[in-house]
C-alpha atoms as a PDB file:
ATOM      1  CA  UNK A   1       0.053-103.597 -45.900  1.00  0.00           C
ATOM      2  CA  UNK A   2       0.973-100.756 -43.545  1.00  0.00           C
ATOM      3  CA  UNK A   3       3.793-101.562 -41.142  1.00  0.00           C
ATOM      4  CA  UNK A   4       3.065-101.246 -37.460  1.00  0.00           C
ATOM      5  CA  UNK A   5       5.794 -99.719 -35.365  1.00  0.00           C
ATOM      6  CA  UNK A   6       6.586-100.155 -31.687  1.00  0.00           C
ATOM      7  CA  UNK A   7       8.464 -97.660 -29.558  1.00  0.00           C
ATOM      8  CA  UNK A   8      11.552 -99.108 -27.873  1.00  0.00           C
ATOM      9  CA  UNK A   9      12.967 -95.951 -26.328  1.00  0.00           C
ATOM     10  CA  UNK A  10      13.209 -92.176 -26.290  1.00  0.00           C
ATOM     11  CA  UNK A  11      16.070 -89.824 -27.062  1.00  0.00           C
ATOM     12  CA  UNK A  12      16.374 -87.898 -23.813  1.00  0.00           C
ATOM     13  CA  UNK A  13      19.217 -85.544 -24.667  1.00  0.00           C
ATOM     14  CA  UNK A  14      22.574 -85.286 -26.413  1.00  0.00           C
ATOM     15  CA  UNK A  15      25.711 -86.839 -24.905  1.00  0.00           C
ATOM     16  CA  UNK A  16      28.933 -85.020 -25.681  1.00  0.00           C
ATOM     17  CA  UNK A  17      29.516 -83.242 -28.992  1.00  0.00           C
ATOM     18  CA  UNK A  18      30.047 -86.161 -31.416  1.00  0.00           C
ATOM     19  CA  UNK A  19      26.384 -86.979 -32.121  1.00  0.00           C
ATOM     20  CA  UNK A  20      25.760 -89.440 -29.299  1.00  0.00           C
ATOM     21  CA  UNK A  21      22.439 -89.386 -27.451  1.00  0.00           C
ATOM     22  CA  UNK A  22      21.133 -90.458 -24.066  1.00  0.00           C
ATOM     23  CA  UNK A  23      18.441 -93.081 -24.650  1.00  0.00           C
ATOM     24  CA  UNK A  24      15.701 -93.854 -22.162  1.00  0.00           C
ATOM     25  CA  UNK A  25      14.373 -97.415 -22.329  1.00  0.00           C
ATOM     26  CA  UNK A  26      12.634-100.072 -20.242  1.00  0.00           C
ATOM     27  CA  UNK A  27      15.086-101.571 -17.780  1.00  0.00           C
ATOM     28  CA  UNK A  28      15.823-105.235 -18.353  1.00  0.00           C
ATOM     29  CA  UNK A  29      15.699-104.791 -22.149  1.00  0.00           C
ATOM     30  CA  UNK A  30      19.453-104.344 -22.670  1.00  0.00           C
ATOM     31  CA  UNK A  31      19.913-107.658 -24.517  1.00  0.00           C
ATOM     32  CA  UNK A  32      16.983-106.826 -26.780  1.00  0.00           C
ATOM     33  CA  UNK A  33      18.405-103.386 -27.637  1.00  0.00           C
ATOM     34  CA  UNK A  34      21.882-104.840 -28.321  1.00  0.00           C
ATOM     35  CA  UNK A  35      20.367-107.035 -31.062  1.00  0.00           C
ATOM     36  CA  UNK A  36      18.958-104.100 -33.030  1.00  0.00           C
ATOM     37  CA  UNK A  37      20.789-102.991 -36.154  1.00  0.00           C
ATOM     38  CA  UNK A  38      18.736 -99.854 -36.696  1.00  0.00           C
ATOM     39  CA  UNK A  39      15.667 -97.887 -35.642  1.00  0.00           C
ATOM     40  CA  UNK A  40      13.204 -95.359 -37.017  1.00  0.00           C
ATOM     41  CA  UNK A  41      13.120 -91.790 -35.727  1.00  0.00           C
ATOM     42  CA  UNK A  42      10.535 -89.411 -37.176  1.00  0.00           C
ATOM     43  CA  UNK A  43       9.962 -91.742 -40.182  1.00  0.00           C
ATOM     44  CA  UNK A  44      13.694 -91.940 -40.996  1.00  0.00           C
ATOM     45  CA  UNK A  45      15.740 -95.130 -40.623  1.00  0.00           C
ATOM     46  CA  UNK A  46      19.042 -94.892 -38.766  1.00  0.00           C
ATOM     47  CA  UNK A  47      21.660 -97.604 -38.419  1.00  0.00           C
ATOM     48  CA  UNK A  48      23.015 -98.010 -34.912  1.00  0.00           C
ATOM     49  CA  UNK A  49      26.777 -97.467 -34.897  1.00  0.00           C
ATOM     50  CA  UNK A  50      27.353 -97.966 -31.174  1.00  0.00           C
ATOM     51  CA  UNK A  51      25.296 -98.673 -28.043  1.00  0.00           C
ATOM     52  CA  UNK A  52      26.460 -98.832 -24.443  1.00  0.00           C
ATOM     53  CA  UNK A  53      24.731 -98.720 -21.088  1.00  0.00           C
ATOM     54  CA  UNK A  54      25.123 -96.547 -18.007  1.00  0.00           C
ATOM     55  CA  UNK A  55      23.291 -97.058 -14.702  1.00  0.00           C
ATOM     56  CA  UNK A  56      20.644 -94.478 -15.715  1.00  0.00           C
ATOM     57  CA  UNK A  57      20.316 -94.754 -19.514  1.00  0.00           C
ATOM     58  CA  UNK A  58      21.861 -96.045 -22.709  1.00  0.00           C
ATOM     59  CA  UNK A  59      24.259 -94.040 -24.868  1.00  0.00           C
ATOM     60  CA  UNK A  60      23.502 -94.522 -28.550  1.00  0.00           C
ATOM     61  CA  UNK A  61      25.343 -93.371 -31.687  1.00  0.00           C
ATOM     62  CA  UNK A  62      23.758 -93.502 -35.141  1.00  0.00           C
ATOM     63  CA  UNK A  63      25.675 -93.685 -38.424  1.00  0.00           C
ATOM     64  CA  UNK A  64      25.589 -90.318 -40.159  1.00  0.00           C
ATOM     65  CA  UNK A  65      24.884 -88.317 -37.011  1.00  0.00           C
ATOM     66  CA  UNK A  66      28.271 -86.941 -36.074  1.00  0.00           C
ATOM     67  CA  UNK A  67      27.722 -83.669 -34.241  1.00  0.00           C
ATOM     68  CA  UNK A  68      25.751 -82.061 -31.463  1.00  0.00           C
ATOM     69  CA  UNK A  69      23.727 -80.112 -34.048  1.00  0.00           C
ATOM     70  CA  UNK A  70      22.831 -83.330 -35.921  1.00  0.00           C
ATOM     71  CA  UNK A  71      21.394 -85.067 -32.834  1.00  0.00           C
ATOM     72  CA  UNK A  72      19.656 -82.041 -31.249  1.00  0.00           C
ATOM     73  CA  UNK A  73      16.758 -82.083 -33.712  1.00  0.00           C
ATOM     74  CA  UNK A  74      15.831 -85.561 -32.436  1.00  0.00           C
ATOM     75  CA  UNK A  75      15.857 -84.672 -28.720  1.00  0.00           C
ATOM     76  CA  UNK A  76      12.583 -85.891 -27.166  1.00  0.00           C
ATOM     77  CA  UNK A  77      11.807 -88.203 -30.096  1.00  0.00           C
ATOM     78  CA  UNK A  78      10.685 -91.770 -29.664  1.00  0.00           C
ATOM     79  CA  UNK A  79      12.629 -94.474 -31.476  1.00  0.00           C
ATOM     80  CA  UNK A  80      10.716 -97.266 -33.189  1.00  0.00           C
ATOM     81  CA  UNK A  81      11.195-100.669 -34.761  1.00  0.00           C
ATOM     82  CA  UNK A  82       8.882-102.709 -36.964  1.00  0.00           C
ATOM     83  CA  UNK A  83       6.387-104.798 -34.998  1.00  0.00           C
ATOM     84  CA  UNK A  84       7.550-107.892 -36.925  1.00  0.00           C
ATOM     85  CA  UNK A  85      11.124-107.318 -35.750  1.00  0.00           C
ATOM     86  CA  UNK A  86       9.935-106.897 -32.168  1.00  0.00           C
ATOM     87  CA  UNK A  87       8.065-110.216 -32.354  1.00  0.00           C
ATOM     88  CA  UNK A  88      11.231-111.989 -33.548  1.00  0.00           C
ATOM     89  CA  UNK A  89      13.007-110.943 -30.329  1.00  0.00           C
ATOM     90  CA  UNK A  90      10.250-111.940 -27.874  1.00  0.00           C
ATOM     91  CA  UNK A  91      10.911-114.730 -25.405  1.00  0.00           C
ATOM     92  CA  UNK A  92       8.387-117.563 -25.151  1.00  0.00           C
ATOM     93  CA  UNK A  93       6.479-115.958 -22.263  1.00  0.00           C
ATOM     94  CA  UNK A  94       6.724-112.347 -23.502  1.00  0.00           C
ATOM     95  CA  UNK A  95       3.965-110.434 -25.247  1.00  0.00           C
ATOM     96  CA  UNK A  96       3.501-107.064 -26.883  1.00  0.00           C
ATOM     97  CA  UNK A  97       1.359-104.699 -24.813  1.00  0.00           C
ATOM     98  CA  UNK A  98      -1.165-104.236 -27.608  1.00  0.00           C
ATOM     99  CA  UNK A  99      -1.735-108.008 -27.662  1.00  0.00           C
ATOM    100  CA  UNK A 100      -2.759-108.007 -23.988  1.00  0.00           C
ATOM    101  CA  UNK A 101      -5.033-104.956 -23.945  1.00  0.00           C
ATOM    102  CA  UNK A 102      -8.629-106.049 -24.502  1.00  0.00           C
ATOM    103  CA  UNK A 103      -8.157-109.660 -23.396  1.00  0.00           C
ATOM    104  CA  UNK A 104     -10.762-111.058 -21.011  1.00  0.00           C
ATOM    105  CA  UNK A 105      -9.504-112.087 -17.571  1.00  0.00           C
ATOM    106  CA  UNK A 106     -10.802-115.282 -15.967  1.00  0.00           C
ATOM    107  CA  UNK A 107     -10.558-116.790 -12.496  1.00  0.00           C
ATOM    108  CA  UNK A 108     -11.371-120.424 -13.154  1.00  0.00           C
ATOM    109  CA  UNK A 109     -14.359-120.348 -15.531  1.00  0.00           C
ATOM    110  CA  UNK A 110     -15.635-117.016 -14.205  1.00  0.00           C
ATOM    111  CA  UNK A 111     -14.913-113.870 -16.238  1.00  0.00           C
ATOM    112  CA  UNK A 112     -13.705-111.239 -13.767  1.00  0.00           C
ATOM    113  CA  UNK A 113     -12.770-108.370 -16.083  1.00  0.00           C
ATOM    114  CA  UNK A 114     -10.682-107.243 -19.039  1.00  0.00           C
ATOM    115  CA  UNK A 115      -7.201-105.819 -19.493  1.00  0.00           C
ATOM    116  CA  UNK A 116      -7.310-102.066 -20.220  1.00  0.00           C
ATOM    117  CA  UNK A 117      -3.599-101.296 -19.894  1.00  0.00           C
ATOM    118  CA  UNK A 118      -0.133-102.495 -18.943  1.00  0.00           C
ATOM    119  CA  UNK A 119       2.406-100.640 -16.801  1.00  0.00           C
ATOM    120  CA  UNK A 120       5.558-101.404 -14.842  1.00  0.00           C
ATOM    121  CA  UNK A 121       6.291-100.684 -11.190  1.00  0.00           C
ATOM    122  CA  UNK A 122      10.003-101.383 -11.480  1.00  0.00           C
ATOM    123  CA  UNK A 123       9.674-104.887 -10.043  1.00  0.00           C
ATOM    124  CA  UNK A 124       7.210-106.378 -12.528  1.00  0.00           C
ATOM    125  CA  UNK A 125       4.733-105.557 -15.234  1.00  0.00           C
ATOM    126  CA  UNK A 126       1.207-104.810 -14.010  1.00  0.00           C
ATOM    127  CA  UNK A 127      -2.005-105.550 -15.861  1.00  0.00           C
ATOM    128  CA  UNK A 128      -4.667-102.878 -15.361  1.00  0.00           C
ATOM    129  CA  UNK A 129      -7.842-104.929 -15.194  1.00  0.00           C
ATOM    130  CA  UNK A 130     -11.258-103.276 -15.361  1.00  0.00           C
ATOM    131  CA  UNK A 131     -13.368-105.498 -13.136  1.00  0.00           C
ATOM    132  CA  UNK A 132     -17.058-106.273 -13.589  1.00  0.00           C
ATOM    133  CA  UNK A 133     -17.768-103.642 -10.914  1.00  0.00           C
ATOM    134  CA  UNK A 134     -15.982-101.106 -13.201  1.00  0.00           C
ATOM    135  CA  UNK A 135     -13.067-100.554 -10.819  1.00  0.00           C
ATOM    136  CA  UNK A 136      -9.445-100.848 -11.978  1.00  0.00           C
ATOM    137  CA  UNK A 137      -7.285-103.477 -10.301  1.00  0.00           C
ATOM    138  CA  UNK A 138      -3.526-103.765 -10.804  1.00  0.00           C
ATOM    139  CA  UNK A 139      -2.589-107.411 -11.289  1.00  0.00           C
ATOM    140  CA  UNK A 140       1.141-108.306 -11.134  1.00  0.00           C
ATOM    141  CA  UNK A 141       2.098-110.083 -14.364  1.00  0.00           C
ATOM    142  CA  UNK A 142       3.934-112.913 -12.606  1.00  0.00           C
ATOM    143  CA  UNK A 143       3.521-116.675 -13.088  1.00  0.00           C
ATOM    144  CA  UNK A 144       2.109-117.216  -9.578  1.00  0.00           C
ATOM    145  CA  UNK A 145      -0.865-114.967 -10.436  1.00  0.00           C
ATOM    146  CA  UNK A 146      -1.156-114.947 -14.246  1.00  0.00           C
ATOM    147  CA  UNK A 147      -1.203-118.663 -14.960  1.00  0.00           C
ATOM    148  CA  UNK A 148      -1.811-118.559 -18.729  1.00  0.00           C
ATOM    149  CA  UNK A 149      -2.205-116.178 -21.643  1.00  0.00           C
ATOM    150  CA  UNK A 150      -3.984-117.312 -24.794  1.00  0.00           C
ATOM    151  CA  UNK A 151      -3.806-114.554 -27.408  1.00  0.00           C
ATOM    152  CA  UNK A 152      -5.886-116.491 -29.967  1.00  0.00           C
ATOM    153  CA  UNK A 153      -8.703-117.177 -27.487  1.00  0.00           C
ATOM    154  CA  UNK A 154      -8.384-113.580 -26.147  1.00  0.00           C
ATOM    155  CA  UNK A 155      -8.153-114.965 -22.626  1.00  0.00           C
ATOM    156  CA  UNK A 156      -5.914-114.538 -19.589  1.00  0.00           C
ATOM    157  CA  UNK A 157      -6.245-116.991 -16.716  1.00  0.00           C
ATOM    158  CA  UNK A 158      -5.374-115.723 -13.241  1.00  0.00           C
ATOM    159  CA  UNK A 159      -5.081-117.199  -9.794  1.00  0.00           C
ATOM    160  CA  UNK A 160      -7.246-114.642  -7.975  1.00  0.00           C
ATOM    161  CA  UNK A 161      -5.781-114.238  -4.512  1.00  0.00           C
ATOM    162  CA  UNK A 162      -7.898-112.551  -1.858  1.00  0.00           C
ATOM    163  CA  UNK A 163      -8.042-108.785  -2.236  1.00  0.00           C
ATOM    164  CA  UNK A 164      -6.456-108.754  -5.704  1.00  0.00           C
ATOM    165  CA  UNK A 165      -9.513-107.599  -7.649  1.00  0.00           C
ATOM    166  CA  UNK A 166     -11.328-105.669  -4.940  1.00  0.00           C
END
């Protein structure tokens, strides 16, 4: 069975001359990143030697990458983990983006659209819902609006407030 990989960050640039890199990642995921022992970059596995956070990014050091020249070839690369490992670190009410895309969205018993994407506005995740009228509505992924997610039934239940899907 082929492993599925999920991107958890991007190497933005080098940091200093000892092989450290600036890592871009989704804010609020610091605890998740701290739990990782290693990641894949360009199909190679690297153990994480050190990880610390600054206000703008994370600073990451991999075992075996000890110079500016060593890290430069990975500048701009995404870092990945196995999907199975990502699932182990999910909280009860967290989902992988690929699990949400394609789910039907219901208001009560009425189907109102389907999820075509997920993004983040800095405050919360947003579901991009293609409505029955073919327009795209951004639905905040917060408990007051998204009342339930059932991956097996391929169904998301929302509390459709006025103007949300128009």
